[in-house]
Amino acid sequence: MEIKAFAKVNLYLDIVGQRRDGYHELVTLMCPIELYDTLRLSFESRKIDVSCDHPDVPGGPENIAHSAASRFLAASGRQNNGVAIEIKKNIPVGAGLGGGSSDAAAVLSGLNMHFGSPLSCKALLEIAKTIGSDVPFFLYGEPAVAEGIGEIVTPLSGLRPLPIVLIYPRYVLSTRAVYKNFNLTLTKKEKIHTKNIFKLDWSTNLHRLLFNALEPSAFALSPQIREIKEKLLDSGASGALMSGSGSSVYGVYNESETADKAFNRLSREHRWQVFRTRLMA
């Protein structure tokens, strides 16, 4: 069985509080994009094996895909079954694109399909919540608003499949450092109201509504991320934004031709990893 595990970008991300356990509560609009890892599942093994072709991604029990398989098999009463999972990485690692979470969600969906859907969508979501904050979103596979620490997911319609150019600067930005710096630098002036933001017309105003409260913190830690955003805007993007806690930045374009020209131009710099893709809306 071969499955595609799609990446995501955050079109909107605001931090609305901090819980007693230290986790930040957020409100975010995420959208899948046409950039994906490929997972191959085979069922000859009597145990769970996970391997990946990327040197920075662990195999075995340390991989989030292993956790997804283990918890699915336990919840479905199939502890005596096994699965071998081969992951071919195309989504940059540690880039704010949700690659690991998407892989885990793909494993849950793939196993449920293989075994004849023994678990309901609700049961799969409950497992997903225990694995990672973005995993429930990836089970939906469509644009959605996530709240809390990501576990409350509400699909959002009305987006358009606009072309995007995504840039990964070839380094990982520490999520912990970004959030820590955010706590030190956030001011009321930098905050915007989120109460009615998703009632607005995102189909025509997406470029004006793009927002990520973590950008100032990330810019302070890595000025190159601000440079990438400016490059995307200079290349004709109607809007540009860092995804998640970084380090990837994407530009949204109104026309495919403009996006193609931007991709070609930015690729020639050979400084960053550049992708030409689109929103899956």
Protein backbone atom coordinates (compact mmCIF):
# COMPACT_ATOMS: atom_id res chain seq x y z
CA MET A 1 0.00 0.00 0.00
CA GLU A 2 1.36 3.42 -0.98
CA ILE A 3 0.04 6.63 0.60
CA LYS A 4 0.74 10.32 0.10
CA ALA A 5 1.17 12.41 3.25
CA PHE A 6 0.68 16.08 2.34
CA ALA A 7 2.35 19.07 4.00
CA LYS A 8 0.47 22.10 5.34
CA VAL A 9 0.95 25.82 5.68
CA ASN A 10 -0.54 28.09 8.32
CA LEU A 11 -2.56 30.89 6.74
CA TYR A 12 -3.30 32.37 10.15
CA LEU A 13 -1.77 31.72 13.55
CA ASP A 14 -2.41 33.63 16.76
CA ILE A 15 -1.38 32.77 20.31
CA VAL A 16 -4.33 33.36 22.64
CA GLY A 17 -3.06 32.06 25.97
CA GLN A 18 -0.80 29.72 27.89
CA ARG A 19 -1.90 26.67 29.86
CA ARG A 20 -0.67 25.56 33.25
CA ASP A 21 1.28 22.73 31.63
CA GLY A 22 3.30 25.29 29.65
CA TYR A 23 1.68 24.66 26.28
CA HIS A 24 0.47 27.67 24.34
CA GLU A 25 -3.15 27.87 23.25
CA LEU A 26 -3.54 28.96 19.67
CA VAL A 27 -6.00 29.64 16.91
CA THR A 28 -4.73 28.72 13.47
CA LEU A 29 -6.03 28.19 9.97
CA MET A 30 -4.11 25.44 8.19
CA CYS A 31 -4.33 24.34 4.58
CA PRO A 32 -2.81 21.26 2.92
CA ILE A 33 -0.47 21.90 0.01
CA GLU A 34 0.61 19.73 -2.92
CA LEU A 35 3.93 18.76 -1.38
CA TYR A 36 4.03 15.30 0.12
CA ASP A 37 5.97 12.42 1.63
CA THR A 38 5.36 8.96 0.20
CA LEU A 39 4.70 6.10 2.63
CA ARG A 40 4.78 2.44 1.69
CA LEU A 41 3.03 0.03 4.05
CA SER A 42 3.54 -3.74 3.85
CA PHE A 43 2.05 -6.35 6.12
CA GLU A 44 4.26 -9.43 5.97
CA SER A 45 6.00 -8.54 9.25
CA ARG A 46 4.62 -9.56 12.66
CA LYS A 47 6.05 -6.42 14.26
CA ILE A 48 6.16 -2.70 13.56
CA ASP A 49 9.17 -1.55 11.53
CA VAL A 50 9.71 2.07 10.45
CA SER A 51 12.46 3.27 8.13
CA CYS A 52 13.08 6.62 6.44
CA ASP A 53 15.43 7.76 3.68
CA HIS A 54 16.18 11.09 5.41
CA PRO A 55 19.27 11.02 7.68
CA ASP A 56 17.73 13.38 10.24
CA VAL A 57 14.54 11.35 10.69
CA PRO A 58 14.78 8.46 13.16
CA GLY A 59 13.47 5.03 12.35
CA GLY A 60 12.01 2.55 14.80
CA PRO A 61 9.99 3.48 17.91
CA GLU A 62 11.34 7.05 17.95
CA ASN A 63 9.44 7.87 14.76
CA ILE A 64 5.95 9.33 15.22
CA ALA A 65 4.68 6.95 12.52
CA HIS A 66 5.63 4.05 14.81
CA SER A 67 3.48 5.54 17.59
CA ALA A 68 0.56 5.86 15.17
CA ALA A 69 0.84 2.23 14.09
CA SER A 70 1.25 0.93 17.64
CA ARG A 71 -1.75 2.82 18.97
CA PHE A 72 -3.95 1.89 16.03
CA LEU A 73 -3.18 -1.82 16.35
CA ALA A 74 -3.85 -1.71 20.10
CA ALA A 75 -7.12 0.20 19.74
CA SER A 76 -8.37 -2.12 17.00
CA GLY A 77 -7.45 -5.31 18.86
CA ARG A 78 -4.75 -6.28 16.38
CA GLN A 79 -1.70 -6.33 18.65
CA ASN A 80 -0.54 -9.55 17.00
CA ASN A 81 -0.38 -7.90 13.58
CA GLY A 82 2.57 -5.92 12.28
CA VAL A 83 3.39 -3.42 9.57
CA ALA A 84 6.56 -2.27 7.84
CA ILE A 85 6.51 1.45 7.05
CA GLU A 86 8.95 2.97 4.56
CA ILE A 87 8.95 6.77 4.44
CA LYS A 88 10.32 8.67 1.47
CA LYS A 89 10.75 12.25 2.66
CA ASN A 90 10.06 15.16 0.35
CA ILE A 91 8.68 17.58 2.95
CA PRO A 92 11.59 19.46 4.60
CA VAL A 93 12.21 18.38 8.18
CA GLY A 94 11.63 20.84 11.02
CA ALA A 95 10.28 23.47 8.66
CA GLY A 96 6.84 24.27 10.11
CA LEU A 97 5.11 22.16 7.45
CA GLY A 98 3.87 19.29 9.62
CA GLY A 99 5.66 16.49 7.79
CA GLY A 100 5.94 14.12 10.75
CA SER A 101 2.35 14.69 11.84
CA SER A 102 1.13 14.13 8.30
CA ASP A 103 3.06 10.84 8.14
CA ALA A 104 1.40 9.72 11.38
CA ALA A 105 -2.08 10.62 10.12
CA ALA A 106 -1.40 8.77 6.86
CA VAL A 107 -0.44 5.65 8.84
CA LEU A 108 -3.68 5.82 10.85
CA SER A 109 -5.77 6.22 7.70
CA GLY A 110 -3.84 3.57 5.78
CA LEU A 111 -4.09 0.96 8.53
CA ASN A 112 -7.78 1.62 9.00
CA MET A 113 -8.33 1.16 5.27
CA HIS A 114 -6.25 -2.02 5.12
CA PHE A 115 -8.08 -3.68 8.00
CA GLY A 116 -11.56 -2.81 6.71
CA SER A 117 -12.27 0.33 8.78
CA PRO A 118 -12.54 -1.21 12.26
CA LEU A 119 -12.28 2.26 13.84
CA SER A 120 -14.68 5.15 13.33
CA CYS A 121 -13.51 8.63 12.34
CA LYS A 122 -14.12 9.72 15.94
CA ALA A 123 -11.96 6.89 17.27
CA LEU A 124 -9.16 7.75 14.84
CA LEU A 125 -9.30 11.37 15.96
CA GLU A 126 -9.04 10.35 19.60
CA ILE A 127 -5.88 8.39 18.78
CA ALA A 128 -4.53 11.28 16.72
CA LYS A 129 -4.89 13.67 19.67
CA THR A 130 -2.58 11.48 21.74
CA ILE A 131 0.15 11.46 19.09
CA GLY A 132 0.68 15.14 18.18
CA SER A 133 -1.16 18.44 18.05
CA ASP A 134 -1.30 18.64 14.24
CA VAL A 135 -2.22 15.00 13.61
CA PRO A 136 -6.02 15.52 13.94
CA PHE A 137 -5.88 18.22 11.25
CA PHE A 138 -4.12 15.91 8.82
CA LEU A 139 -6.81 13.26 9.29
CA TYR A 140 -9.33 15.74 7.87
CA GLY A 141 -7.15 16.46 4.85
CA GLU A 142 -8.77 19.82 4.07
CA PRO A 143 -8.47 23.46 5.18
CA ALA A 144 -9.45 23.76 8.82
CA VAL A 145 -9.26 25.96 11.89
CA ALA A 146 -7.46 24.35 14.82
CA GLU A 147 -7.81 25.61 18.40
CA GLY A 148 -6.51 24.74 21.85
CA ILE A 149 -3.11 23.13 21.28
CA GLY A 150 -4.36 21.98 17.87
CA GLU A 151 -6.75 19.23 18.95
CA ILE A 152 -10.04 21.09 18.24
CA VAL A 153 -10.48 21.07 14.46
CA THR A 154 -13.22 22.74 12.40
CA PRO A 155 -13.13 22.48 8.57
CA LEU A 156 -13.29 25.81 6.70
CA SER A 157 -14.63 26.13 3.16
CA GLY A 158 -14.25 28.98 0.69
CA LEU A 159 -10.51 29.01 0.02
CA ARG A 160 -9.15 28.87 -3.52
CA PRO A 161 -6.38 26.54 -4.80
CA LEU A 162 -3.99 29.44 -5.33
CA PRO A 163 -0.42 28.82 -6.54
CA ILE A 164 2.33 29.22 -3.97
CA VAL A 165 6.11 29.26 -3.91
CA LEU A 166 7.57 27.79 -0.73
CA ILE A 167 11.12 28.41 0.46
CA TYR A 168 12.98 26.33 3.02
CA PRO A 169 16.26 28.01 4.06
CA ARG A 170 17.91 24.63 4.67
CA TYR A 171 18.05 24.92 8.45
CA VAL A 172 15.78 24.15 11.38
CA LEU A 173 14.52 26.90 13.64
CA SER A 174 13.92 25.66 17.19
CA THR A 175 10.20 25.72 18.01
CA ARG A 176 11.03 26.02 21.69
CA ALA A 177 13.28 29.02 21.05
CA VAL A 178 10.65 30.75 18.91
CA TYR A 179 7.97 30.37 21.59
CA LYS A 180 10.36 31.41 24.35
CA ASN A 181 11.35 34.51 22.42
CA PHE A 182 7.69 35.21 21.70
CA ASN A 183 6.94 35.27 25.42
CA LEU A 184 9.67 37.85 25.95
CA THR A 185 8.83 40.16 23.05
CA LEU A 186 5.07 39.99 22.50
CA THR A 187 3.23 43.27 23.01
CA LYS A 188 -0.45 44.13 22.84
CA LYS A 189 0.26 46.22 19.77
CA GLU A 190 1.38 43.11 17.89
CA LYS A 191 -1.84 41.25 18.69
CA ILE A 192 -4.92 41.25 16.48
CA HIS A 193 -8.45 40.13 17.28
CA THR A 194 -9.33 36.61 16.20
CA LYS A 195 -12.99 36.42 17.24
CA ASN A 196 -14.53 37.02 13.81
CA ILE A 197 -11.54 36.52 11.51
CA PHE A 198 -12.83 33.28 10.00
CA LYS A 199 -16.19 34.79 9.14
CA LEU A 200 -14.51 37.03 6.58
CA ASP A 201 -14.22 36.30 2.86
CA TRP A 202 -10.97 34.35 2.61
CA SER A 203 -11.53 33.53 -1.07
CA THR A 204 -10.81 37.10 -2.20
CA ASN A 205 -8.99 38.58 0.80
CA LEU A 206 -6.55 35.81 1.72
CA HIS A 207 -3.44 37.92 1.06
CA ARG A 208 -4.74 40.64 3.42
CA LEU A 209 -5.69 38.17 6.17
CA LEU A 210 -2.42 36.23 6.34
CA PHE A 211 -1.04 36.50 9.88
CA ASN A 212 1.45 34.68 12.08
CA ALA A 213 2.02 35.98 15.60
CA LEU A 214 5.32 34.07 15.79
CA GLU A 215 6.96 35.93 12.92
CA PRO A 216 8.51 38.77 14.98
CA SER A 217 10.09 36.22 17.31
CA ALA A 218 11.42 34.16 14.40
CA PHE A 219 12.74 37.26 12.60
CA ALA A 220 14.67 38.25 15.72
CA LEU A 221 16.25 34.79 15.93
CA SER A 222 16.89 34.47 12.21
CA PRO A 223 16.86 37.64 10.05
CA GLN A 224 17.17 35.45 6.95
CA ILE A 225 13.51 34.46 7.37
CA ARG A 226 12.49 38.12 7.03
CA GLU A 227 14.73 38.36 3.96
CA ILE A 228 12.98 35.38 2.37
CA LYS A 229 9.57 36.93 2.99
CA GLU A 230 10.69 40.17 1.36
CA LYS A 231 12.11 38.25 -1.62
CA LEU A 232 8.77 36.50 -2.15
CA LEU A 233 6.86 39.78 -2.03
CA ASP A 234 9.34 41.36 -4.44
CA SER A 235 8.79 38.42 -6.81
CA GLY A 236 5.11 39.26 -7.22
CA ALA A 237 3.46 37.40 -4.35
CA SER A 238 0.22 39.04 -3.22
CA GLY A 239 1.05 37.91 0.31
CA ALA A 240 3.77 35.98 2.12
CA LEU A 241 3.99 34.33 5.53
CA MET A 242 6.14 32.08 7.67
CA SER A 243 4.49 28.70 8.25
CA GLY A 244 4.08 27.55 11.84
CA SER A 245 7.12 28.35 13.95
CA GLY A 246 9.35 28.32 10.86
CA SER A 247 11.67 28.10 9.18
CA SER A 248 9.75 27.82 5.89
CA VAL A 249 8.14 30.86 4.27
CA TYR A 250 5.67 30.80 1.40
CA GLY A 251 4.28 33.33 -1.04
CA VAL A 252 0.73 33.26 -2.42
CA TYR A 253 0.24 34.32 -6.04
CA ASN A 254 -2.85 35.33 -7.98
CA GLU A 255 -1.59 33.92 -11.28
CA SER A 256 0.23 30.68 -12.10
CA GLU A 257 2.48 32.48 -14.57
CA THR A 258 3.68 34.90 -11.90
CA ALA A 259 4.34 32.00 -9.52
CA ASP A 260 6.29 30.13 -12.21
CA LYS A 261 8.49 33.16 -12.88
CA ALA A 262 9.08 33.66 -9.16
CA PHE A 263 10.01 29.99 -8.72
CA ASN A 264 12.50 30.13 -11.58
CA ARG A 265 14.03 33.36 -10.36
CA LEU A 266 14.34 32.32 -6.72
CA SER A 267 15.64 28.84 -7.61
CA ARG A 268 18.56 30.39 -9.48
CA GLU A 269 19.92 31.86 -6.25
CA HIS A 270 20.83 28.31 -5.06
CA ARG A 271 20.73 29.47 -1.44
CA TRP A 272 17.50 27.83 -0.44
CA GLN A 273 15.29 24.88 -1.26
CA VAL A 274 12.43 26.23 -3.38
CA PHE A 275 9.15 24.47 -4.16
CA ARG A 276 6.41 25.41 -6.63
CA THR A 277 3.09 24.06 -5.39
CA ARG A 278 -0.47 25.16 -4.54
CA LEU A 279 -3.05 25.27 -1.79
CA MET A 280 -5.29 22.18 -1.68
CA ALA A 281 -8.56 24.04 -1.17
